Structures are given as C-alpha cells and as structure tokens.
Amino acid sequence: MITDQFRPRPSPAPCRSSGPPLDVAQWRWCRLREAGFPAALARSLAGKHIDLHALLELVDAGCPPELAARILSPLDDVDAAVHIDEPRAS
C-alpha cells in the first residue's frame, strides 16, 4: 500500500486553457498526467478504450498508476483466450 508521502504528486495543471476545448485524447492525457501518471504511460492510455474514471478512481484509492493501467487493460485476444481447448458438447 502506498502512503500519501510516497504517492506521486500530480503534475501542475498543464491543461488549463482559455481557448477552445482540447481534443479527447489530449484531454485524457492531461487528466492522467494531473493524476500522477508518467508521460509515456498517459500517452499510451489516452488513445485506448480504457475507462478513464476507473483508472483515476484506482489511483485515488492508492493504486500505483502502472498497476491501475494493468488491471484495466483489455486482454490482447479475448476470443483466443476463451476458445482454447473448450470441450464440445455432443
């Protein structure tokens, strides 16, 4: 378990703008960076179909960003994983 003193601090608010809204991937990247995700991981996750709110909830609960991303990452090939060696009904 990570205590507050060891928890990464969010980056300064780089996403505040008085202009038009940012694109969705940029907005997601900003939210992840503000929550303490490393830049490369935030960039990778921003364009994926992963529940951003669930990621942020896990991190808010003390889960390290890398582990939160791993927990919520989809399987690479769900169909292959489900159908391997399934017995057929007669």
PDB file of N, CA and C in Angstrom:
ATOM      1  N   MET A   1       0.848  -1.180   0.000  1.00  0.00           N
ATOM      2  CA  MET A   1       0.000   0.000   0.000  1.00  0.00           C
ATOM      3  C   MET A   1       0.889   1.237   0.000  1.00  0.00           C
ATOM      4  N   ILE A   2       0.506   2.219  -0.752  1.00  0.00           N
ATOM      5  CA  ILE A   2       1.278   3.444  -0.859  1.00  0.00           C
ATOM      6  C   ILE A   2       0.674   4.486   0.069  1.00  0.00           C
ATOM      7  N   THR A   3       1.517   5.092   0.884  1.00  0.00           N
ATOM      8  CA  THR A   3       1.031   6.166   1.732  1.00  0.00           C
ATOM      9  C   THR A   3       1.143   7.474   0.972  1.00  0.00           C
ATOM     10  N   ASP A   4       0.476   8.498   1.476  1.00  0.00           N
ATOM     11  CA  ASP A   4       0.477   9.789   0.782  1.00  0.00           C
ATOM     12  C   ASP A   4       1.870  10.350   0.582  1.00  0.00           C
ATOM     13  N   GLN A   5       2.784  10.097   1.515  1.00  0.00           N
ATOM     14  CA  GLN A   5       4.112  10.679   1.371  1.00  0.00           C
ATOM     15  C   GLN A   5       4.895  10.042   0.221  1.00  0.00           C
ATOM     16  N   PHE A   6       4.545   8.800  -0.179  1.00  0.00           N
ATOM     17  CA  PHE A   6       5.247   8.138  -1.269  1.00  0.00           C
ATOM     18  C   PHE A   6       4.470   8.183  -2.580  1.00  0.00           C
ATOM     19  N   ARG A   7       3.280   8.671  -2.519  1.00  0.00           N
ATOM     20  CA  ARG A   7       2.438   8.730  -3.706  1.00  0.00           C
ATOM     21  C   ARG A   7       2.936   9.839  -4.632  1.00  0.00           C
ATOM     22  N   PRO A   8       3.020   9.533  -5.939  1.00  0.00           N
ATOM     23  CA  PRO A   8       3.469  10.572  -6.871  1.00  0.00           C
ATOM     24  C   PRO A   8       2.524  11.765  -6.837  1.00  0.00           C
ATOM     25  N   ARG A   9       3.086  12.927  -6.882  1.00  0.00           N
ATOM     26  CA  ARG A   9       2.289  14.139  -6.873  1.00  0.00           C
ATOM     27  C   ARG A   9       1.846  14.461  -8.297  1.00  0.00           C
ATOM     28  N   PRO A  10       0.620  14.926  -8.454  1.00  0.00           N
ATOM     29  CA  PRO A  10       0.165  15.302  -9.786  1.00  0.00           C
ATOM     30  C   PRO A  10       1.028  16.417 -10.361  1.00  0.00           C
ATOM     31  N   SER A  11       1.160  16.405 -11.667  1.00  0.00           N
ATOM     32  CA  SER A  11       1.901  17.463 -12.325  1.00  0.00           C
ATOM     33  C   SER A  11       1.084  18.745 -12.251  1.00  0.00           C
ATOM     34  N   PRO A  12       1.735  19.883 -12.442  1.00  0.00           N
ATOM     35  CA  PRO A  12       0.969  21.133 -12.459  1.00  0.00           C
ATOM     36  C   PRO A  12      -0.116  21.058 -13.532  1.00  0.00           C
ATOM     37  N   ALA A  13      -1.112  21.868 -13.415  1.00  0.00           N
ATOM     38  CA  ALA A  13      -2.236  21.827 -14.339  1.00  0.00           C
ATOM     39  C   ALA A  13      -1.846  22.333 -15.725  1.00  0.00           C
ATOM     40  N   PRO A  14      -1.326  21.449 -16.598  1.00  0.00           N
ATOM     41  CA  PRO A  14      -0.887  21.895 -17.919  1.00  0.00           C
ATOM     42  C   PRO A  14      -2.044  22.022 -18.903  1.00  0.00           C
ATOM     43  N   CYS A  15      -3.218  21.637 -18.501  1.00  0.00           N
ATOM     44  CA  CYS A  15      -4.315  21.506 -19.455  1.00  0.00           C
ATOM     45  C   CYS A  15      -5.336  22.625 -19.339  1.00  0.00           C
ATOM     46  N   ARG A  16      -5.058  23.591 -18.559  1.00  0.00           N
ATOM     47  CA  ARG A  16      -5.998  24.702 -18.434  1.00  0.00           C
ATOM     48  C   ARG A  16      -5.806  25.612 -19.640  1.00  0.00           C
ATOM     49  N   SER A  17      -6.890  25.895 -20.308  1.00  0.00           N
ATOM     50  CA  SER A  17      -6.783  26.781 -21.457  1.00  0.00           C
ATOM     51  C   SER A  17      -8.029  27.644 -21.545  1.00  0.00           C
ATOM     52  N   SER A  18      -7.848  28.853 -21.979  1.00  0.00           N
ATOM     53  CA  SER A  18      -8.992  29.749 -22.125  1.00  0.00           C
ATOM     54  C   SER A  18      -9.570  29.656 -23.530  1.00  0.00           C
ATOM     55  N   GLY A  19      -8.910  28.886 -24.395  1.00  0.00           N
ATOM     56  CA  GLY A  19      -9.358  28.735 -25.781  1.00  0.00           C
ATOM     57  C   GLY A  19     -10.361  27.616 -25.929  1.00  0.00           C
ATOM     58  N   PRO A  20     -10.511  27.145 -27.158  1.00  0.00           N
ATOM     59  CA  PRO A  20     -11.461  26.066 -27.420  1.00  0.00           C
ATOM     60  C   PRO A  20     -11.032  24.773 -26.721  1.00  0.00           C
ATOM     61  N   PRO A  21     -11.975  23.860 -26.520  1.00  0.00           N
ATOM     62  CA  PRO A  21     -11.649  22.602 -25.838  1.00  0.00           C
ATOM     63  C   PRO A  21     -10.571  21.808 -26.595  1.00  0.00           C
ATOM     64  N   LEU A  22      -9.805  21.057 -25.835  1.00  0.00           N
ATOM     65  CA  LEU A  22      -8.791  20.194 -26.415  1.00  0.00           C
ATOM     66  C   LEU A  22      -9.458  18.976 -27.038  1.00  0.00           C
ATOM     67  N   ASP A  23      -8.745  18.269 -27.925  1.00  0.00           N
ATOM     68  CA  ASP A  23      -9.323  17.027 -28.447  1.00  0.00           C
ATOM     69  C   ASP A  23      -9.377  15.994 -27.328  1.00  0.00           C
ATOM     70  N   VAL A  24     -10.166  14.955 -27.522  1.00  0.00           N
ATOM     71  CA  VAL A  24     -10.437  13.977 -26.464  1.00  0.00           C
ATOM     72  C   VAL A  24      -9.166  13.298 -25.973  1.00  0.00           C
ATOM     73  N   ALA A  25      -8.297  12.846 -26.888  1.00  0.00           N
ATOM     74  CA  ALA A  25      -7.063  12.162 -26.475  1.00  0.00           C
ATOM     75  C   ALA A  25      -6.171  13.103 -25.672  1.00  0.00           C
ATOM     76  N   GLN A  26      -6.083  14.350 -26.093  1.00  0.00           N
ATOM     77  CA  GLN A  26      -5.267  15.331 -25.355  1.00  0.00           C
ATOM     78  C   GLN A  26      -5.871  15.578 -23.973  1.00  0.00           C
ATOM     79  N   TRP A  27      -7.184  15.685 -23.895  1.00  0.00           N
ATOM     80  CA  TRP A  27      -7.848  15.896 -22.621  1.00  0.00           C
ATOM     81  C   TRP A  27      -7.601  14.717 -21.681  1.00  0.00           C
ATOM     82  N   ARG A  28      -7.726  13.486 -22.214  1.00  0.00           N
ATOM     83  CA  ARG A  28      -7.474  12.286 -21.396  1.00  0.00           C
ATOM     84  C   ARG A  28      -6.024  12.268 -20.917  1.00  0.00           C
ATOM     85  N   TRP A  29      -5.078  12.613 -21.816  1.00  0.00           N
ATOM     86  CA  TRP A  29      -3.660  12.661 -21.442  1.00  0.00           C
ATOM     87  C   TRP A  29      -3.464  13.648 -20.297  1.00  0.00           C
ATOM     88  N   CYS A  30      -4.092  14.804 -20.404  1.00  0.00           N
ATOM     89  CA  CYS A  30      -3.970  15.819 -19.350  1.00  0.00           C
ATOM     90  C   CYS A  30      -4.512  15.323 -18.019  1.00  0.00           C
ATOM     91  N   ARG A  31      -5.679  14.691 -18.033  1.00  0.00           N
ATOM     92  CA  ARG A  31      -6.252  14.187 -16.778  1.00  0.00           C
ATOM     93  C   ARG A  31      -5.329  13.135 -16.145  1.00  0.00           C
ATOM     94  N   LEU A  32      -4.778  12.251 -16.976  1.00  0.00           N
ATOM     95  CA  LEU A  32      -3.875  11.215 -16.462  1.00  0.00           C
ATOM     96  C   LEU A  32      -2.599  11.828 -15.891  1.00  0.00           C
ATOM     97  N   ARG A  33      -2.020  12.804 -16.561  1.00  0.00           N
ATOM     98  CA  ARG A  33      -0.808  13.467 -16.068  1.00  0.00           C
ATOM     99  C   ARG A  33      -1.093  14.171 -14.749  1.00  0.00           C
ATOM    100  N   GLU A  34      -2.238  14.834 -14.660  1.00  0.00           N
ATOM    101  CA  GLU A  34      -2.607  15.531 -13.424  1.00  0.00           C
ATOM    102  C   GLU A  34      -2.788  14.543 -12.271  1.00  0.00           C
ATOM    103  N   ALA A  35      -3.150  13.317 -12.584  1.00  0.00           N
ATOM    104  CA  ALA A  35      -3.339  12.284 -11.560  1.00  0.00           C
ATOM    105  C   ALA A  35      -2.029  11.595 -11.184  1.00  0.00           C
ATOM    106  N   GLY A  36      -0.923  11.952 -11.860  1.00  0.00           N
ATOM    107  CA  GLY A  36       0.371  11.386 -11.496  1.00  0.00           C
ATOM    108  C   GLY A  36       0.887  10.296 -12.408  1.00  0.00           C
ATOM    109  N   PHE A  37       0.217  10.039 -13.537  1.00  0.00           N
ATOM    110  CA  PHE A  37       0.698   9.028 -14.473  1.00  0.00           C
ATOM    111  C   PHE A  37       1.942   9.553 -15.191  1.00  0.00           C
ATOM    112  N   PRO A  38       2.954   8.694 -15.386  1.00  0.00           N
ATOM    113  CA  PRO A  38       4.119   9.102 -16.174  1.00  0.00           C
ATOM    114  C   PRO A  38       3.681   9.478 -17.593  1.00  0.00           C
ATOM    115  N   ALA A  39       4.402  10.397 -18.223  1.00  0.00           N
ATOM    116  CA  ALA A  39       4.015  10.923 -19.537  1.00  0.00           C
ATOM    117  C   ALA A  39       3.832   9.821 -20.582  1.00  0.00           C
ATOM    118  N   ALA A  40       4.756   8.887 -20.655  1.00  0.00           N
ATOM    119  CA  ALA A  40       4.666   7.831 -21.675  1.00  0.00           C
ATOM    120  C   ALA A  40       3.448   6.937 -21.440  1.00  0.00           C
ATOM    121  N   LEU A  41       3.163   6.591 -20.202  1.00  0.00           N
ATOM    122  CA  LEU A  41       2.003   5.755 -19.894  1.00  0.00           C
ATOM    123  C   LEU A  41       0.718   6.523 -20.181  1.00  0.00           C
ATOM    124  N   ALA A  42       0.674   7.792 -19.802  1.00  0.00           N
ATOM    125  CA  ALA A  42      -0.507   8.617 -20.066  1.00  0.00           C
ATOM    126  C   ALA A  42      -0.753   8.723 -21.570  1.00  0.00           C
ATOM    127  N   ARG A  43       0.311   8.885 -22.350  1.00  0.00           N
ATOM    128  CA  ARG A  43       0.189   8.983 -23.804  1.00  0.00           C
ATOM    129  C   ARG A  43      -0.379   7.684 -24.372  1.00  0.00           C
ATOM    130  N   SER A  44       0.121   6.566 -23.870  1.00  0.00           N
ATOM    131  CA  SER A  44      -0.336   5.264 -24.345  1.00  0.00           C
ATOM    132  C   SER A  44      -1.812   5.032 -24.003  1.00  0.00           C
ATOM    133  N   LEU A  45      -2.210   5.374 -22.806  1.00  0.00           N
ATOM    134  CA  LEU A  45      -3.577   5.123 -22.345  1.00  0.00           C
ATOM    135  C   LEU A  45      -4.588   6.104 -22.932  1.00  0.00           C
ATOM    136  N   ALA A  46      -4.158   7.310 -23.249  1.00  0.00           N
ATOM    137  CA  ALA A  46      -5.077   8.353 -23.707  1.00  0.00           C
ATOM    138  C   ALA A  46      -5.815   7.957 -24.977  1.00  0.00           C
ATOM    139  N   GLY A  47      -5.171   7.183 -25.836  1.00  0.00           N
ATOM    140  CA  GLY A  47      -5.796   6.792 -27.089  1.00  0.00           C
ATOM    141  C   GLY A  47      -6.485   5.446 -27.058  1.00  0.00           C
ATOM    142  N   LYS A  48      -6.465   4.766 -25.927  1.00  0.00           N
ATOM    143  CA  LYS A  48      -7.080   3.439 -25.823  1.00  0.00           C
ATOM    144  C   LYS A  48      -8.490   3.530 -25.260  1.00  0.00           C
ATOM    145  N   HIS A  49      -9.257   2.481 -25.481  1.00  0.00           N
ATOM    146  CA  HIS A  49     -10.620   2.397 -24.948  1.00  0.00           C
ATOM    147  C   HIS A  49     -10.577   1.796 -23.551  1.00  0.00           C
ATOM    148  N   ILE A  50     -10.054   2.580 -22.629  1.00  0.00           N
ATOM    149  CA  ILE A  50      -9.977   2.175 -21.223  1.00  0.00           C
ATOM    150  C   ILE A  50     -10.774   3.186 -20.416  1.00  0.00           C
ATOM    151  N   ASP A  51     -11.496   2.718 -19.422  1.00  0.00           N
ATOM    152  CA  ASP A  51     -12.331   3.583 -18.597  1.00  0.00           C
ATOM    153  C   ASP A  51     -11.457   4.539 -17.789  1.00  0.00           C
ATOM    154  N   LEU A  52     -11.423   5.784 -18.220  1.00  0.00           N
ATOM    155  CA  LEU A  52     -10.592   6.797 -17.567  1.00  0.00           C
ATOM    156  C   LEU A  52     -11.009   7.009 -16.115  1.00  0.00           C
ATOM    157  N   HIS A  53     -12.296   7.045 -15.867  1.00  0.00           N
ATOM    158  CA  HIS A  53     -12.765   7.280 -14.499  1.00  0.00           C
ATOM    159  C   HIS A  53     -12.359   6.141 -13.574  1.00  0.00           C
ATOM    160  N   ALA A  54     -12.414   4.916 -14.057  1.00  0.00           N
ATOM    161  CA  ALA A  54     -11.984   3.778 -13.241  1.00  0.00           C
ATOM    162  C   ALA A  54     -10.487   3.860 -12.950  1.00  0.00           C
ATOM    163  N   LEU A  55      -9.697   4.257 -13.951  1.00  0.00           N
ATOM    164  CA  LEU A  55      -8.253   4.438 -13.727  1.00  0.00           C
ATOM    165  C   LEU A  55      -8.006   5.453 -12.627  1.00  0.00           C
ATOM    166  N   LEU A  56      -8.674   6.589 -12.734  1.00  0.00           N
ATOM    167  CA  LEU A  56      -8.476   7.659 -11.753  1.00  0.00           C
ATOM    168  C   LEU A  56      -8.967   7.251 -10.369  1.00  0.00           C
ATOM    169  N   GLU A  57     -10.045   6.487 -10.300  1.00  0.00           N
ATOM    170  CA  GLU A  57     -10.537   6.007  -9.003  1.00  0.00           C
ATOM    171  C   GLU A  57      -9.530   5.077  -8.345  1.00  0.00           C
ATOM    172  N   LEU A  58      -8.935   4.175  -9.129  1.00  0.00           N
ATOM    173  CA  LEU A  58      -7.921   3.269  -8.572  1.00  0.00           C
ATOM    174  C   LEU A  58      -6.733   4.053  -8.027  1.00  0.00           C
ATOM    175  N   VAL A  59      -6.269   5.040  -8.778  1.00  0.00           N
ATOM    176  CA  VAL A  59      -5.128   5.848  -8.339  1.00  0.00           C
ATOM    177  C   VAL A  59      -5.506   6.661  -7.106  1.00  0.00           C
ATOM    178  N   ASP A  60      -6.707   7.224  -7.090  1.00  0.00           N
ATOM    179  CA  ASP A  60      -7.161   7.979  -5.911  1.00  0.00           C
ATOM    180  C   ASP A  60      -7.232   7.097  -4.671  1.00  0.00           C
ATOM    181  N   ALA A  61      -7.485   5.801  -4.872  1.00  0.00           N
ATOM    182  CA  ALA A  61      -7.558   4.858  -3.756  1.00  0.00           C
ATOM    183  C   ALA A  61      -6.170   4.367  -3.321  1.00  0.00           C
ATOM    184  N   GLY A  62      -5.112   4.831  -4.018  1.00  0.00           N
ATOM    185  CA  GLY A  62      -3.759   4.470  -3.607  1.00  0.00           C
ATOM    186  C   GLY A  62      -3.052   3.486  -4.515  1.00  0.00           C
ATOM    187  N   CYS A  63      -3.687   3.069  -5.581  1.00  0.00           N
ATOM    188  CA  CYS A  63      -3.079   2.124  -6.514  1.00  0.00           C
ATOM    189  C   CYS A  63      -2.051   2.870  -7.375  1.00  0.00           C
ATOM    190  N   PRO A  64      -0.849   2.323  -7.544  1.00  0.00           N
ATOM    191  CA  PRO A  64       0.127   2.970  -8.424  1.00  0.00           C
ATOM    192  C   PRO A  64      -0.421   3.033  -9.862  1.00  0.00           C
ATOM    193  N   PRO A  65      -0.126   4.111 -10.594  1.00  0.00           N
ATOM    194  CA  PRO A  65      -0.651   4.257 -11.956  1.00  0.00           C
ATOM    195  C   PRO A  65      -0.360   3.065 -12.867  1.00  0.00           C
ATOM    196  N   GLU A  66       0.841   2.520 -12.793  1.00  0.00           N
ATOM    197  CA  GLU A  66       1.204   1.389 -13.650  1.00  0.00           C
ATOM    198  C   GLU A  66       0.327   0.175 -13.367  1.00  0.00           C
ATOM    199  N   LEU A  67       0.045  -0.082 -12.093  1.00  0.00           N
ATOM    200  CA  LEU A  67      -0.799  -1.215 -11.724  1.00  0.00           C
ATOM    201  C   LEU A  67      -2.249  -0.964 -12.112  1.00  0.00           C
ATOM    202  N   ALA A  68      -2.724   0.242 -11.926  1.00  0.00           N
ATOM    203  CA  ALA A  68      -4.095   0.578 -12.323  1.00  0.00           C
ATOM    204  C   ALA A  68      -4.279   0.343 -13.820  1.00  0.00           C
ATOM    205  N   ALA A  69      -3.292   0.748 -14.609  1.00  0.00           N
ATOM    206  CA  ALA A  69      -3.366   0.545 -16.058  1.00  0.00           C
ATOM    207  C   ALA A  69      -3.372  -0.935 -16.391  1.00  0.00           C
ATOM    208  N   ARG A  70      -2.581  -1.695 -15.689  1.00  0.00           N
ATOM    209  CA  ARG A  70      -2.512  -3.140 -15.947  1.00  0.00           C
ATOM    210  C   ARG A  70      -3.820  -3.835 -15.567  1.00  0.00           C
ATOM    211  N   ILE A  71      -4.401  -3.429 -14.461  1.00  0.00           N
ATOM    212  CA  ILE A  71      -5.668  -4.019 -14.010  1.00  0.00           C
ATOM    213  C   ILE A  71      -6.769  -3.785 -15.035  1.00  0.00           C
ATOM    214  N   LEU A  72      -6.815  -2.598 -15.616  1.00  0.00           N
ATOM    215  CA  LEU A  72      -7.908  -2.247 -16.520  1.00  0.00           C
ATOM    216  C   LEU A  72      -7.607  -2.475 -17.991  1.00  0.00           C
ATOM    217  N   SER A  73      -6.420  -2.952 -18.307  1.00  0.00           N
ATOM    218  CA  SER A  73      -6.087  -3.205 -19.712  1.00  0.00           C
ATOM    219  C   SER A  73      -6.861  -4.404 -20.228  1.00  0.00           C
ATOM    220  N   PRO A  74      -7.394  -4.276 -21.447  1.00  0.00           N
ATOM    221  CA  PRO A  74      -8.116  -5.420 -22.017  1.00  0.00           C
ATOM    222  C   PRO A  74      -7.140  -6.521 -22.408  1.00  0.00           C
ATOM    223  N   LEU A  75      -7.658  -7.747 -22.480  1.00  0.00           N
ATOM    224  CA  LEU A  75      -6.831  -8.847 -22.952  1.00  0.00           C
ATOM    225  C   LEU A  75      -6.503  -8.603 -24.418  1.00  0.00           C
ATOM    226  N   ASP A  76      -5.321  -9.034 -24.854  1.00  0.00           N
ATOM    227  CA  ASP A  76      -4.920  -8.834 -26.245  1.00  0.00           C
ATOM    228  C   ASP A  76      -5.839  -9.550 -27.217  1.00  0.00           C
ATOM    229  N   ASP A  77      -6.221 -10.779 -26.891  1.00  0.00           N
ATOM    230  CA  ASP A  77      -7.067 -11.541 -27.802  1.00  0.00           C
ATOM    231  C   ASP A  77      -8.066 -12.339 -26.986  1.00  0.00           C
ATOM    232  N   VAL A  78      -9.164 -11.707 -26.656  1.00  0.00           N
ATOM    233  CA  VAL A  78     -10.159 -12.328 -25.789  1.00  0.00           C
ATOM    234  C   VAL A  78     -10.718 -13.597 -26.411  1.00  0.00           C
ATOM    235  N   ASP A  79     -11.035 -13.562 -27.693  1.00  0.00           N
ATOM    236  CA  ASP A  79     -11.603 -14.742 -28.336  1.00  0.00           C
ATOM    237  C   ASP A  79     -10.671 -15.944 -28.254  1.00  0.00           C
ATOM    238  N   ALA A  80      -9.403 -15.742 -28.500  1.00  0.00           N
ATOM    239  CA  ALA A  80      -8.445 -16.846 -28.439  1.00  0.00           C
ATOM    240  C   ALA A  80      -8.359 -17.400 -27.023  1.00  0.00           C
ATOM    241  N   ALA A  81      -8.381 -16.534 -26.047  1.00  0.00           N
ATOM    242  CA  ALA A  81      -8.265 -16.962 -24.650  1.00  0.00           C
ATOM    243  C   ALA A  81      -9.503 -17.756 -24.222  1.00  0.00           C
ATOM    244  N   VAL A  82     -10.669 -17.384 -24.701  1.00  0.00           N
ATOM    245  CA  VAL A  82     -11.891 -18.048 -24.293  1.00  0.00           C
ATOM    246  C   VAL A  82     -12.064 -19.385 -24.975  1.00  0.00           C
ATOM    247  N   HIS A  83     -11.638 -19.506 -26.216  1.00  0.00           N
ATOM    248  CA  HIS A  83     -11.904 -20.710 -27.003  1.00  0.00           C
ATOM    249  C   HIS A  83     -10.802 -21.763 -27.004  1.00  0.00           C
ATOM    250  N   ILE A  84      -9.757 -21.555 -26.284  1.00  0.00           N
ATOM    251  CA  ILE A  84      -8.666 -22.533 -26.265  1.00  0.00           C
ATOM    252  C   ILE A  84      -9.121 -23.771 -25.488  1.00  0.00           C
ATOM    253  N   ASP A  85      -9.029 -24.902 -26.142  1.00  0.00           N
ATOM    254  CA  ASP A  85      -9.303 -26.205 -25.535  1.00  0.00           C
ATOM    255  C   ASP A  85     -10.676 -26.323 -24.881  1.00  0.00           C
ATOM    256  N   GLU A  86     -11.680 -25.669 -25.441  1.00  0.00           N
ATOM    257  CA  GLU A  86     -13.030 -25.835 -24.905  1.00  0.00           C
ATOM    258  C   GLU A  86     -13.579 -27.177 -25.393  1.00  0.00           C
ATOM    259  N   PRO A  87     -14.097 -27.986 -24.496  1.00  0.00           N
ATOM    260  CA  PRO A  87     -14.693 -29.244 -24.949  1.00  0.00           C
ATOM    261  C   PRO A  87     -16.004 -28.952 -25.668  1.00  0.00           C
ATOM    262  N   ARG A  88     -16.272 -29.711 -26.710  1.00  0.00           N
ATOM    263  CA  ARG A  88     -17.510 -29.536 -27.478  1.00  0.00           C
ATOM    264  C   ARG A  88     -18.593 -30.457 -26.907  1.00  0.00           C
ATOM    265  N   ALA A  89     -19.783 -29.931 -26.856  1.00  0.00           N
ATOM    266  CA  ALA A  89     -20.919 -30.743 -26.398  1.00  0.00           C
ATOM    267  C   ALA A  89     -21.377 -31.654 -27.526  1.00  0.00           C
ATOM    268  N   SER A  90     -21.786 -32.875 -27.194  1.00  0.00           N
ATOM    269  CA  SER A  90     -22.243 -33.822 -28.224  1.00  0.00           C
ATOM    270  C   SER A  90     -23.711 -33.757 -28.407  1.00  0.00           C
TER     271      SER A  90
END
